[in-house]
Amino acid sequence: MPKFQTEFTSDLKATLALLGIKAAFTNGQFPGITHDPAKIDFILHKVKFEIDEDSSSSHSYFNGWIFGHNSKQEAERSLDRS
């Protein structure tokens, strides 16, 4: 059996946009993660295959980054020392 390894890396942002998933990359709502406005900056997918005389293996790696818009919130505080 021939021995080899290969890997592939892709940012899935463009692919997902072609599938119609666009709002998550511009003004997404992620209520399970944050109540602040946020967007996905990138989704990275990496796959690696290795085959040799004894075995075969595959590895998959997935990573993403969500940016929140920093909204400065002002709070009114009152101290009563009486």
PDB file of N, CA and C in Angstrom:
ATOM      1  N   MET A   1       0.851  -1.185   0.000  1.00  0.00           N
ATOM      2  CA  MET A   1       0.000   0.000   0.000  1.00  0.00           C
ATOM      3  C   MET A   1       0.891   1.240   0.000  1.00  0.00           C
ATOM      4  N   PRO A   2       0.599   2.194  -0.867  1.00  0.00           N
ATOM      5  CA  PRO A   2       1.394   3.426  -0.864  1.00  0.00           C
ATOM      6  C   PRO A   2       1.162   4.226   0.407  1.00  0.00           C
ATOM      7  N   LYS A   3       2.164   4.967   0.797  1.00  0.00           N
ATOM      8  CA  LYS A   3       2.016   5.777   2.000  1.00  0.00           C
ATOM      9  C   LYS A   3       1.996   7.246   1.588  1.00  0.00           C
ATOM     10  N   PHE A   4       1.056   7.975   2.178  1.00  0.00           N
ATOM     11  CA  PHE A   4       0.944   9.394   1.845  1.00  0.00           C
ATOM     12  C   PHE A   4       0.159  10.119   2.930  1.00  0.00           C
ATOM     13  N   GLN A   5       0.219  11.420   2.855  1.00  0.00           N
ATOM     14  CA  GLN A   5      -0.614  12.274   3.709  1.00  0.00           C
ATOM     15  C   GLN A   5      -1.020  13.495   2.895  1.00  0.00           C
ATOM     16  N   THR A   6      -2.166  14.009   3.202  1.00  0.00           N
ATOM     17  CA  THR A   6      -2.660  15.211   2.534  1.00  0.00           C
ATOM     18  C   THR A   6      -3.512  16.003   3.518  1.00  0.00           C
ATOM     19  N   GLU A   7      -3.585  17.281   3.306  1.00  0.00           N
ATOM     20  CA  GLU A   7      -4.432  18.109   4.164  1.00  0.00           C
ATOM     21  C   GLU A   7      -5.068  19.225   3.348  1.00  0.00           C
ATOM     22  N   PHE A   8      -6.160  19.725   3.874  1.00  0.00           N
ATOM     23  CA  PHE A   8      -6.936  20.764   3.203  1.00  0.00           C
ATOM     24  C   PHE A   8      -7.431  21.738   4.261  1.00  0.00           C
ATOM     25  N   THR A   9      -7.318  23.025   3.978  1.00  0.00           N
ATOM     26  CA  THR A   9      -7.795  24.064   4.886  1.00  0.00           C
ATOM     27  C   THR A   9      -8.672  25.036   4.102  1.00  0.00           C
ATOM     28  N   SER A  10      -9.780  25.430   4.710  1.00  0.00           N
ATOM     29  CA  SER A  10     -10.683  26.354   4.034  1.00  0.00           C
ATOM     30  C   SER A  10     -11.388  27.245   5.048  1.00  0.00           C
ATOM     31  N   ASP A  11     -11.512  28.521   4.697  1.00  0.00           N
ATOM     32  CA  ASP A  11     -12.371  29.423   5.455  1.00  0.00           C
ATOM     33  C   ASP A  11     -13.761  29.282   4.848  1.00  0.00           C
ATOM     34  N   LEU A  12     -14.712  28.797   5.618  1.00  0.00           N
ATOM     35  CA  LEU A  12     -16.039  28.477   5.106  1.00  0.00           C
ATOM     36  C   LEU A  12     -16.967  29.684   4.975  1.00  0.00           C
ATOM     37  N   LYS A  13     -16.485  30.867   5.298  1.00  0.00           N
ATOM     38  CA  LYS A  13     -17.336  32.059   5.255  1.00  0.00           C
ATOM     39  C   LYS A  13     -17.944  32.269   3.865  1.00  0.00           C
ATOM     40  N   ALA A  14     -17.136  32.224   2.811  1.00  0.00           N
ATOM     41  CA  ALA A  14     -17.644  32.442   1.450  1.00  0.00           C
ATOM     42  C   ALA A  14     -18.599  31.329   1.033  1.00  0.00           C
ATOM     43  N   THR A  15     -18.274  30.096   1.382  1.00  0.00           N
ATOM     44  CA  THR A  15     -19.133  28.962   1.028  1.00  0.00           C
ATOM     45  C   THR A  15     -20.494  29.081   1.695  1.00  0.00           C
ATOM     46  N   LEU A  16     -20.508  29.416   2.976  1.00  0.00           N
ATOM     47  CA  LEU A  16     -21.776  29.558   3.693  1.00  0.00           C
ATOM     48  C   LEU A  16     -22.587  30.743   3.163  1.00  0.00           C
ATOM     49  N   ALA A  17     -21.903  31.814   2.762  1.00  0.00           N
ATOM     50  CA  ALA A  17     -22.614  32.957   2.177  1.00  0.00           C
ATOM     51  C   ALA A  17     -23.289  32.554   0.865  1.00  0.00           C
ATOM     52  N   LEU A  18     -22.614  31.725   0.061  1.00  0.00           N
ATOM     53  CA  LEU A  18     -23.220  31.238  -1.186  1.00  0.00           C
ATOM     54  C   LEU A  18     -24.441  30.366  -0.916  1.00  0.00           C
ATOM     55  N   LEU A  19     -24.471  29.721   0.238  1.00  0.00           N
ATOM     56  CA  LEU A  19     -25.616  28.896   0.617  1.00  0.00           C
ATOM     57  C   LEU A  19     -26.742  29.716   1.249  1.00  0.00           C
ATOM     58  N   GLY A  20     -26.532  31.031   1.361  1.00  0.00           N
ATOM     59  CA  GLY A  20     -27.583  31.904   1.880  1.00  0.00           C
ATOM     60  C   GLY A  20     -27.422  32.300   3.330  1.00  0.00           C
ATOM     61  N   ILE A  21     -26.366  31.852   3.976  1.00  0.00           N
ATOM     62  CA  ILE A  21     -26.123  32.217   5.378  1.00  0.00           C
ATOM     63  C   ILE A  21     -25.281  33.488   5.373  1.00  0.00           C
ATOM     64  N   LYS A  22     -25.942  34.630   5.456  1.00  0.00           N
ATOM     65  CA  LYS A  22     -25.246  35.909   5.340  1.00  0.00           C
ATOM     66  C   LYS A  22     -25.347  36.762   6.600  1.00  0.00           C
ATOM     67  N   ALA A  23     -26.494  36.751   7.252  1.00  0.00           N
ATOM     68  CA  ALA A  23     -26.708  37.637   8.404  1.00  0.00           C
ATOM     69  C   ALA A  23     -25.735  37.346   9.539  1.00  0.00           C
ATOM     70  N   ALA A  24     -25.338  36.092   9.704  1.00  0.00           N
ATOM     71  CA  ALA A  24     -24.430  35.734  10.799  1.00  0.00           C
ATOM     72  C   ALA A  24     -23.065  36.399  10.644  1.00  0.00           C
ATOM     73  N   PHE A  25     -22.714  36.797   9.415  1.00  0.00           N
ATOM     74  CA  PHE A  25     -21.417  37.408   9.154  1.00  0.00           C
ATOM     75  C   PHE A  25     -21.471  38.932   9.134  1.00  0.00           C
ATOM     76  N   THR A  26     -22.658  39.503   9.273  1.00  0.00           N
ATOM     77  CA  THR A  26     -22.770  40.961   9.264  1.00  0.00           C
ATOM     78  C   THR A  26     -23.427  41.497  10.530  1.00  0.00           C
ATOM     79  N   ASN A  27     -24.599  41.020  10.858  1.00  0.00           N
ATOM     80  CA  ASN A  27     -25.310  41.516  12.048  1.00  0.00           C
ATOM     81  C   ASN A  27     -26.064  40.367  12.704  1.00  0.00           C
ATOM     82  N   GLY A  28     -25.351  39.326  13.019  1.00  0.00           N
ATOM     83  CA  GLY A  28     -25.985  38.127  13.564  1.00  0.00           C
ATOM     84  C   GLY A  28     -26.564  38.312  14.949  1.00  0.00           C
ATOM     85  N   GLN A  29     -27.513  37.477  15.272  1.00  0.00           N
ATOM     86  CA  GLN A  29     -28.097  37.421  16.609  1.00  0.00           C
ATOM     87  C   GLN A  29     -27.754  36.049  17.174  1.00  0.00           C
ATOM     88  N   PHE A  30     -27.089  36.017  18.303  1.00  0.00           N
ATOM     89  CA  PHE A  30     -26.674  34.778  18.936  1.00  0.00           C
ATOM     90  C   PHE A  30     -27.136  34.772  20.392  1.00  0.00           C
ATOM     91  N   PRO A  31     -28.446  34.658  20.632  1.00  0.00           N
ATOM     92  CA  PRO A  31     -28.972  34.786  21.993  1.00  0.00           C
ATOM     93  C   PRO A  31     -28.461  33.712  22.950  1.00  0.00           C
ATOM     94  N   GLY A  32     -28.042  32.567  22.453  1.00  0.00           N
ATOM     95  CA  GLY A  32     -27.503  31.534  23.333  1.00  0.00           C
ATOM     96  C   GLY A  32     -26.079  31.821  23.779  1.00  0.00           C
ATOM     97  N   ILE A  33     -25.426  32.781  23.106  1.00  0.00           N
ATOM     98  CA  ILE A  33     -24.039  33.116  23.420  1.00  0.00           C
ATOM     99  C   ILE A  33     -23.941  34.497  24.057  1.00  0.00           C
ATOM    100  N   THR A  34     -24.608  35.476  23.430  1.00  0.00           N
ATOM    101  CA  THR A  34     -24.552  36.849  23.924  1.00  0.00           C
ATOM    102  C   THR A  34     -25.831  37.580  23.526  1.00  0.00           C
ATOM    103  N   HIS A  35     -26.195  38.581  24.307  1.00  0.00           N
ATOM    104  CA  HIS A  35     -27.349  39.407  23.961  1.00  0.00           C
ATOM    105  C   HIS A  35     -26.909  40.660  23.207  1.00  0.00           C
ATOM    106  N   ASP A  36     -25.602  40.893  23.138  1.00  0.00           N
ATOM    107  CA  ASP A  36     -25.061  42.019  22.389  1.00  0.00           C
ATOM    108  C   ASP A  36     -25.017  41.678  20.903  1.00  0.00           C
ATOM    109  N   PRO A  37     -25.058  42.685  20.042  1.00  0.00           N
ATOM    110  CA  PRO A  37     -24.891  42.421  18.611  1.00  0.00           C
ATOM    111  C   PRO A  37     -23.521  41.779  18.367  1.00  0.00           C
ATOM    112  N   ALA A  38     -23.464  40.808  17.491  1.00  0.00           N
ATOM    113  CA  ALA A  38     -22.207  40.112  17.213  1.00  0.00           C
ATOM    114  C   ALA A  38     -22.226  39.607  15.782  1.00  0.00           C
ATOM    115  N   LYS A  39     -21.055  39.261  15.277  1.00  0.00           N
ATOM    116  CA  LYS A  39     -20.967  38.671  13.944  1.00  0.00           C
ATOM    117  C   LYS A  39     -19.848  37.645  13.932  1.00  0.00           C
ATOM    118  N   ILE A  40     -19.962  36.674  13.038  1.00  0.00           N
ATOM    119  CA  ILE A  40     -18.906  35.682  12.868  1.00  0.00           C
ATOM    120  C   ILE A  40     -17.868  36.280  11.935  1.00  0.00           C
ATOM    121  N   ASP A  41     -16.613  36.273  12.344  1.00  0.00           N
ATOM    122  CA  ASP A  41     -15.537  36.807  11.523  1.00  0.00           C
ATOM    123  C   ASP A  41     -15.031  35.752  10.540  1.00  0.00           C
ATOM    124  N   PHE A  42     -14.830  34.521  11.011  1.00  0.00           N
ATOM    125  CA  PHE A  42     -14.392  33.453  10.121  1.00  0.00           C
ATOM    126  C   PHE A  42     -14.768  32.105  10.699  1.00  0.00           C
ATOM    127  N   ILE A  43     -14.844  31.115   9.837  1.00  0.00           N
ATOM    128  CA  ILE A  43     -15.021  29.720  10.240  1.00  0.00           C
ATOM    129  C   ILE A  43     -13.979  28.923   9.474  1.00  0.00           C
ATOM    130  N   LEU A  44     -13.008  28.407  10.178  1.00  0.00           N
ATOM    131  CA  LEU A  44     -11.898  27.677   9.568  1.00  0.00           C
ATOM    132  C   LEU A  44     -12.108  26.184   9.739  1.00  0.00           C
ATOM    133  N   HIS A  45     -11.964  25.439   8.650  1.00  0.00           N
ATOM    134  CA  HIS A  45     -12.069  23.982   8.697  1.00  0.00           C
ATOM    135  C   HIS A  45     -10.809  23.400   8.088  1.00  0.00           C
ATOM    136  N   LYS A  46     -10.175  22.492   8.828  1.00  0.00           N
ATOM    137  CA  LYS A  46      -8.939  21.862   8.366  1.00  0.00           C
ATOM    138  C   LYS A  46      -9.085  20.355   8.507  1.00  0.00           C
ATOM    139  N   VAL A  47      -8.704  19.624   7.467  1.00  0.00           N
ATOM    140  CA  VAL A  47      -8.781  18.162   7.467  1.00  0.00           C
ATOM    141  C   VAL A  47      -7.424  17.617   7.051  1.00  0.00           C
ATOM    142  N   LYS A  48      -6.992  16.541   7.721  1.00  0.00           N
ATOM    143  CA  LYS A  48      -5.718  15.902   7.386  1.00  0.00           C
ATOM    144  C   LYS A  48      -5.916  14.394   7.351  1.00  0.00           C
ATOM    145  N   PHE A  49      -5.431  13.760   6.285  1.00  0.00           N
ATOM    146  CA  PHE A  49      -5.479  12.304   6.141  1.00  0.00           C
ATOM    147  C   PHE A  49      -4.057  11.770   6.083  1.00  0.00           C
ATOM    148  N   GLU A  50      -3.817  10.669   6.793  1.00  0.00           N
ATOM    149  CA  GLU A  50      -2.523  10.002   6.747  1.00  0.00           C
ATOM    150  C   GLU A  50      -2.745   8.511   6.536  1.00  0.00           C
ATOM    151  N   ILE A  51      -2.043   7.948   5.566  1.00  0.00           N
ATOM    152  CA  ILE A  51      -2.127   6.513   5.292  1.00  0.00           C
ATOM    153  C   ILE A  51      -0.712   5.978   5.165  1.00  0.00           C
ATOM    154  N   ASP A  52      -0.437   4.875   5.873  1.00  0.00           N
ATOM    155  CA  ASP A  52       0.848   4.192   5.722  1.00  0.00           C
ATOM    156  C   ASP A  52       0.619   2.687   5.699  1.00  0.00           C
ATOM    157  N   GLU A  53       1.709   1.931   5.778  1.00  0.00           N
ATOM    158  CA  GLU A  53       1.610   0.480   5.679  1.00  0.00           C
ATOM    159  C   GLU A  53       0.799  -0.144   6.807  1.00  0.00           C
ATOM    160  N   ASP A  54       0.790   0.493   7.962  1.00  0.00           N
ATOM    161  CA  ASP A  54       0.166  -0.100   9.146  1.00  0.00           C
ATOM    162  C   ASP A  54      -1.240   0.412   9.449  1.00  0.00           C
ATOM    163  N   SER A  55      -1.523   1.633   9.081  1.00  0.00           N
ATOM    164  CA  SER A  55      -2.815   2.192   9.496  1.00  0.00           C
ATOM    165  C   SER A  55      -3.200   3.390   8.632  1.00  0.00           C
ATOM    166  N   SER A  56      -4.379   3.873   8.893  1.00  0.00           N
ATOM    167  CA  SER A  56      -4.831   5.127   8.286  1.00  0.00           C
ATOM    168  C   SER A  56      -5.473   5.965   9.388  1.00  0.00           C
ATOM    169  N   SER A  57      -5.363   7.256   9.260  1.00  0.00           N
ATOM    170  CA  SER A  57      -5.966   8.133  10.262  1.00  0.00           C
ATOM    171  C   SER A  57      -6.422   9.419   9.584  1.00  0.00           C
ATOM    172  N   SER A  58      -7.362  10.050  10.214  1.00  0.00           N
ATOM    173  CA  SER A  58      -7.836  11.346   9.729  1.00  0.00           C
ATOM    174  C   SER A  58      -8.047  12.260  10.927  1.00  0.00           C
ATOM    175  N   HIS A  59      -7.815  13.514  10.703  1.00  0.00           N
ATOM    176  CA  HIS A  59      -7.978  14.524  11.745  1.00  0.00           C
ATOM    177  C   HIS A  59      -8.787  15.671  11.160  1.00  0.00           C
ATOM    178  N   SER A  60      -9.677  16.191  11.946  1.00  0.00           N
ATOM    179  CA  SER A  60     -10.481  17.318  11.505  1.00  0.00           C
ATOM    180  C   SER A  60     -10.407  18.405  12.570  1.00  0.00           C
ATOM    181  N   TYR A  61     -10.279  19.629  12.139  1.00  0.00           N
ATOM    182  CA  TYR A  61     -10.152  20.765  13.033  1.00  0.00           C
ATOM    183  C   TYR A  61     -11.139  21.836  12.582  1.00  0.00           C
ATOM    184  N   PHE A  62     -11.850  22.397  13.524  1.00  0.00           N
ATOM    185  CA  PHE A  62     -12.853  23.418  13.230  1.00  0.00           C
ATOM    186  C   PHE A  62     -12.642  24.573  14.193  1.00  0.00           C
ATOM    187  N   ASN A  63     -12.621  25.783  13.670  1.00  0.00           N
ATOM    188  CA  ASN A  63     -12.415  26.940  14.522  1.00  0.00           C
ATOM    189  C   ASN A  63     -13.227  28.105  13.963  1.00  0.00           C
ATOM    190  N   GLY A  64     -13.733  28.920  14.824  1.00  0.00           N
ATOM    191  CA  GLY A  64     -14.479  30.099  14.398  1.00  0.00           C
ATOM    192  C   GLY A  64     -14.260  31.230  15.379  1.00  0.00           C
ATOM    193  N   TRP A  65     -14.588  32.425  14.959  1.00  0.00           N
ATOM    194  CA  TRP A  65     -14.414  33.589  15.815  1.00  0.00           C
ATOM    195  C   TRP A  65     -15.629  34.487  15.690  1.00  0.00           C
ATOM    196  N   ILE A  66     -16.194  34.849  16.818  1.00  0.00           N
ATOM    197  CA  ILE A  66     -17.340  35.754  16.837  1.00  0.00           C
ATOM    198  C   ILE A  66     -16.892  37.078  17.448  1.00  0.00           C
ATOM    199  N   PHE A  67     -17.095  38.146  16.699  1.00  0.00           N
ATOM    200  CA  PHE A  67     -16.786  39.483  17.191  1.00  0.00           C
ATOM    201  C   PHE A  67     -18.048  40.128  17.709  1.00  0.00           C
ATOM    202  N   GLY A  68     -17.967  40.712  18.888  1.00  0.00           N
ATOM    203  CA  GLY A  68     -19.079  41.498  19.413  1.00  0.00           C
ATOM    204  C   GLY A  68     -18.785  42.966  19.195  1.00  0.00           C
ATOM    205  N   HIS A  69     -19.810  43.715  19.006  1.00  0.00           N
ATOM    206  CA  HIS A  69     -19.642  45.159  18.890  1.00  0.00           C
ATOM    207  C   HIS A  69     -19.614  45.708  20.308  1.00  0.00           C
ATOM    208  N   ASN A  70     -18.523  46.322  20.664  1.00  0.00           N
ATOM    209  CA  ASN A  70     -18.408  46.872  22.010  1.00  0.00           C
ATOM    210  C   ASN A  70     -19.341  48.064  22.147  1.00  0.00           C
ATOM    211  N   SER A  71     -20.368  47.856  22.908  1.00  0.00           N
ATOM    212  CA  SER A  71     -21.287  48.964  23.161  1.00  0.00           C
ATOM    213  C   SER A  71     -21.037  49.448  24.576  1.00  0.00           C
ATOM    214  N   LYS A  72     -20.642  50.681  24.675  1.00  0.00           N
ATOM    215  CA  LYS A  72     -20.354  51.254  25.983  1.00  0.00           C
ATOM    216  C   LYS A  72     -21.674  51.571  26.670  1.00  0.00           C
ATOM    217  N   GLN A  73     -21.870  50.994  27.829  1.00  0.00           N
ATOM    218  CA  GLN A  73     -23.104  51.225  28.567  1.00  0.00           C
ATOM    219  C   GLN A  73     -22.805  52.098  29.778  1.00  0.00           C
ATOM    220  N   GLU A  74     -23.591  53.122  29.923  1.00  0.00           N
ATOM    221  CA  GLU A  74     -23.431  53.996  31.070  1.00  0.00           C
ATOM    222  C   GLU A  74     -24.489  53.645  32.104  1.00  0.00           C
ATOM    223  N   ALA A  75     -24.067  53.642  33.344  1.00  0.00           N
ATOM    224  CA  ALA A  75     -24.992  53.327  34.433  1.00  0.00           C
ATOM    225  C   ALA A  75     -25.016  54.498  35.407  1.00  0.00           C
ATOM    226  N   GLU A  76     -26.181  54.805  35.907  1.00  0.00           N
ATOM    227  CA  GLU A  76     -26.311  55.855  36.903  1.00  0.00           C
ATOM    228  C   GLU A  76     -26.221  55.201  38.271  1.00  0.00           C
ATOM    229  N   ARG A  77     -25.341  55.746  39.115  1.00  0.00           N
ATOM    230  CA  ARG A  77     -25.168  55.194  40.457  1.00  0.00           C
ATOM    231  C   ARG A  77     -25.408  56.300  41.479  1.00  0.00           C
ATOM    232  N   SER A  78     -25.990  55.907  42.582  1.00  0.00           N
ATOM    233  CA  SER A  78     -26.266  56.858  43.647  1.00  0.00           C
ATOM    234  C   SER A  78     -25.729  56.278  44.950  1.00  0.00           C
ATOM    235  N   LEU A  79     -24.935  57.066  45.659  1.00  0.00           N
ATOM    236  CA  LEU A  79     -24.402  56.634  46.952  1.00  0.00           C
ATOM    237  C   LEU A  79     -25.045  57.476  48.046  1.00  0.00           C
ATOM    238  N   ASP A  80     -25.589  56.814  49.030  1.00  0.00           N
ATOM    239  CA  ASP A  80     -26.226  57.505  50.143  1.00  0.00           C
ATOM    240  C   ASP A  80     -25.455  57.137  51.401  1.00  0.00           C
ATOM    241  N   ARG A  81     -24.780  58.112  52.017  1.00  0.00           N
ATOM    242  CA  ARG A  81     -23.968  57.835  53.200  1.00  0.00           C
ATOM    243  C   ARG A  81     -24.670  58.248  54.490  1.00  0.00           C
ATOM    244  N   SER A  82     -25.937  58.458  54.485  1.00  0.00           N
ATOM    245  CA  SER A  82     -26.619  58.897  55.703  1.00  0.00           C
ATOM    246  C   SER A  82     -26.874  57.761  56.655  1.00  0.00           C
TER     247      SER A  82
END
